[in-house]
């Protein structure tokens, strides 16, 4: 595994561990991600908040 891939895997594992501590599944993760990493699945899903920087105006071409 290259250094960049290893770094990404470690970062993802860290995010999963933090999610277990918080007790919620963050957006972008599924229960299967926790099971594959050998971690307990948090009991609830985090609420996705809307992006405050997203533009909801229609595109003008």
N, C-alpha and C. Protein backbone atom coordinates (compact mmCIF):
# COMPACT_ATOMS: atom_id res chain seq x y z
N UNK A 1 0.85 -1.16 0.00
CA UNK A 1 0.00 0.00 0.00
C UNK A 1 0.91 1.24 0.00
N UNK A 2 0.59 2.20 -0.83
CA UNK A 2 1.40 3.41 -0.90
C UNK A 2 1.14 4.27 0.34
N UNK A 3 2.01 5.24 0.56
CA UNK A 3 1.91 6.09 1.74
C UNK A 3 0.59 6.86 1.76
N UNK A 4 0.17 7.39 0.64
CA UNK A 4 -1.07 8.18 0.59
C UNK A 4 -2.28 7.31 0.91
N UNK A 5 -2.30 6.08 0.39
CA UNK A 5 -3.43 5.18 0.66
C UNK A 5 -3.44 4.77 2.13
N UNK A 6 -2.26 4.53 2.69
CA UNK A 6 -2.17 4.16 4.09
C UNK A 6 -2.64 5.32 4.98
N UNK A 7 -2.26 6.52 4.62
CA UNK A 7 -2.68 7.70 5.37
C UNK A 7 -4.20 7.86 5.31
N UNK A 8 -4.79 7.63 4.15
CA UNK A 8 -6.25 7.73 3.99
C UNK A 8 -6.95 6.66 4.83
N UNK A 9 -6.42 5.45 4.85
CA UNK A 9 -7.00 4.37 5.65
C UNK A 9 -6.94 4.70 7.14
N UNK A 10 -5.82 5.25 7.59
CA UNK A 10 -5.70 5.64 9.00
C UNK A 10 -6.67 6.77 9.35
N UNK A 11 -6.82 7.73 8.46
CA UNK A 11 -7.74 8.85 8.69
C UNK A 11 -9.18 8.35 8.77
N UNK A 12 -9.55 7.43 7.87
CA UNK A 12 -10.90 6.87 7.88
C UNK A 12 -11.14 6.09 9.17
N UNK A 13 -10.16 5.31 9.60
CA UNK A 13 -10.27 4.55 10.85
C UNK A 13 -10.46 5.51 12.03
N UNK A 14 -9.70 6.60 12.03
CA UNK A 14 -9.82 7.60 13.10
C UNK A 14 -11.23 8.19 13.13
N UNK A 15 -11.78 8.51 11.97
CA UNK A 15 -13.13 9.07 11.91
C UNK A 15 -14.16 8.07 12.44
N UNK A 16 -13.97 6.79 12.13
CA UNK A 16 -14.87 5.76 12.64
C UNK A 16 -14.79 5.67 14.16
N UNK A 17 -13.58 5.72 14.70
CA UNK A 17 -13.42 5.64 16.15
C UNK A 17 -14.05 6.85 16.85
N UNK A 18 -13.91 8.02 16.27
CA UNK A 18 -14.53 9.22 16.84
C UNK A 18 -16.05 9.09 16.81
N UNK A 19 -16.58 8.54 15.72
CA UNK A 19 -18.03 8.35 15.60
C UNK A 19 -18.54 7.39 16.67
N UNK A 20 -17.78 6.35 16.96
CA UNK A 20 -18.18 5.41 18.02
C UNK A 20 -18.22 6.13 19.35
N UNK A 21 -17.24 6.97 19.63
CA UNK A 21 -17.22 7.73 20.88
C UNK A 21 -18.42 8.66 20.98
N UNK A 22 -18.80 9.28 19.88
CA UNK A 22 -19.93 10.22 19.88
C UNK A 22 -21.27 9.49 19.91
N UNK A 23 -21.28 8.23 19.48
CA UNK A 23 -22.50 7.44 19.51
C UNK A 23 -23.43 7.68 18.34
N UNK A 24 -22.88 8.14 17.21
CA UNK A 24 -23.73 8.36 16.04
C UNK A 24 -22.94 8.10 14.77
N UNK A 25 -23.67 7.69 13.73
CA UNK A 25 -23.06 7.41 12.44
C UNK A 25 -23.06 8.71 11.64
N UNK A 26 -21.88 9.23 11.28
CA UNK A 26 -21.83 10.49 10.54
C UNK A 26 -22.25 10.31 9.08
N UNK A 27 -22.65 11.40 8.42
CA UNK A 27 -22.99 11.32 7.00
C UNK A 27 -21.80 10.78 6.20
N UNK A 28 -22.10 9.93 5.24
CA UNK A 28 -21.06 9.36 4.40
C UNK A 28 -20.58 7.99 4.88
N UNK A 29 -21.03 7.55 6.04
CA UNK A 29 -20.65 6.26 6.58
C UNK A 29 -21.88 5.38 6.71
N UNK A 30 -21.67 4.09 6.61
CA UNK A 30 -22.73 3.10 6.75
C UNK A 30 -22.38 2.16 7.90
N UNK A 31 -23.34 1.46 8.47
CA UNK A 31 -23.04 0.50 9.53
C UNK A 31 -22.01 -0.55 9.09
N UNK A 32 -22.01 -0.90 7.82
CA UNK A 32 -21.06 -1.89 7.31
C UNK A 32 -19.62 -1.42 7.44
N UNK A 33 -19.39 -0.10 7.37
CA UNK A 33 -18.04 0.45 7.53
C UNK A 33 -17.49 0.15 8.92
N UNK A 34 -18.35 0.25 9.92
CA UNK A 34 -17.93 -0.02 11.30
C UNK A 34 -17.65 -1.51 11.48
N UNK A 35 -18.54 -2.34 10.92
CA UNK A 35 -18.36 -3.78 11.03
C UNK A 35 -17.08 -4.24 10.34
N UNK A 36 -16.78 -3.67 9.18
CA UNK A 36 -15.57 -4.04 8.45
C UNK A 36 -14.31 -3.65 9.21
N UNK A 37 -14.38 -2.58 10.01
CA UNK A 37 -13.24 -2.13 10.78
C UNK A 37 -13.16 -2.83 12.14
N UNK A 38 -14.15 -3.68 12.44
CA UNK A 38 -14.15 -4.38 13.71
C UNK A 38 -14.57 -3.51 14.88
N UNK A 39 -15.34 -2.47 14.60
CA UNK A 39 -15.81 -1.55 15.63
C UNK A 39 -17.30 -1.74 15.88
N UNK A 40 -17.78 -1.40 17.08
CA UNK A 40 -19.23 -1.49 17.32
C UNK A 40 -19.96 -0.42 16.52
N UNK A 41 -21.15 -0.76 16.08
CA UNK A 41 -21.95 0.18 15.28
C UNK A 41 -22.68 1.12 16.23
N UNK A 42 -22.51 2.44 16.05
CA UNK A 42 -23.24 3.41 16.89
C UNK A 42 -24.75 3.25 16.70
N UNK A 43 -25.52 3.54 17.75
CA UNK A 43 -26.96 3.27 17.69
C UNK A 43 -27.79 4.22 16.82
N UNK A 44 -27.29 5.42 16.54
CA UNK A 44 -28.14 6.34 15.78
C UNK A 44 -27.35 7.02 14.67
N UNK A 45 -28.07 7.57 13.74
CA UNK A 45 -27.48 8.28 12.60
C UNK A 45 -27.48 9.77 12.89
N UNK A 46 -26.38 10.43 12.54
CA UNK A 46 -26.27 11.88 12.74
C UNK A 46 -27.21 12.60 11.78
N UNK A 47 -27.71 13.73 12.21
CA UNK A 47 -28.58 14.54 11.36
C UNK A 47 -27.70 15.33 10.39
N UNK A 48 -28.03 15.22 9.12
CA UNK A 48 -27.27 15.97 8.12
C UNK A 48 -27.76 17.42 8.13
N UNK A 49 -26.84 18.33 8.32
CA UNK A 49 -27.19 19.74 8.30
C UNK A 49 -26.96 20.28 6.89
N UNK A 50 -27.81 21.18 6.46
CA UNK A 50 -27.61 21.74 5.12
C UNK A 50 -26.31 22.54 5.04
N UNK A 51 -25.72 22.55 3.89
CA UNK A 51 -24.48 23.29 3.67
C UNK A 51 -24.81 24.78 3.60
N UNK A 52 -24.30 25.59 4.53
CA UNK A 52 -24.63 27.02 4.51
C UNK A 52 -23.99 27.76 3.34
N UNK A 53 -23.04 27.13 2.66
CA UNK A 53 -22.37 27.77 1.55
C UNK A 53 -22.91 27.31 0.20
N UNK A 54 -23.89 26.43 0.20
CA UNK A 54 -24.46 25.95 -1.05
C UNK A 54 -25.40 27.00 -1.63
N UNK A 55 -25.36 27.11 -2.92
CA UNK A 55 -26.22 28.06 -3.62
C UNK A 55 -27.49 27.35 -4.08
N UNK A 56 -28.63 27.87 -3.72
CA UNK A 56 -29.87 27.23 -4.14
C UNK A 56 -30.52 27.96 -5.32
N UNK A 57 -29.83 28.94 -5.87
CA UNK A 57 -30.34 29.66 -7.04
C UNK A 57 -30.18 28.79 -8.29
N UNK A 58 -31.13 28.85 -9.20
CA UNK A 58 -31.00 28.04 -10.41
C UNK A 58 -29.84 28.54 -11.27
N UNK A 59 -29.22 27.59 -11.96
CA UNK A 59 -28.10 27.94 -12.86
C UNK A 59 -28.64 28.66 -14.08
N UNK A 60 -27.93 29.67 -14.51
CA UNK A 60 -28.32 30.39 -15.73
C UNK A 60 -27.25 30.12 -16.77
N UNK A 61 -27.64 29.46 -17.82
CA UNK A 61 -26.69 29.11 -18.87
C UNK A 61 -26.75 30.06 -20.03
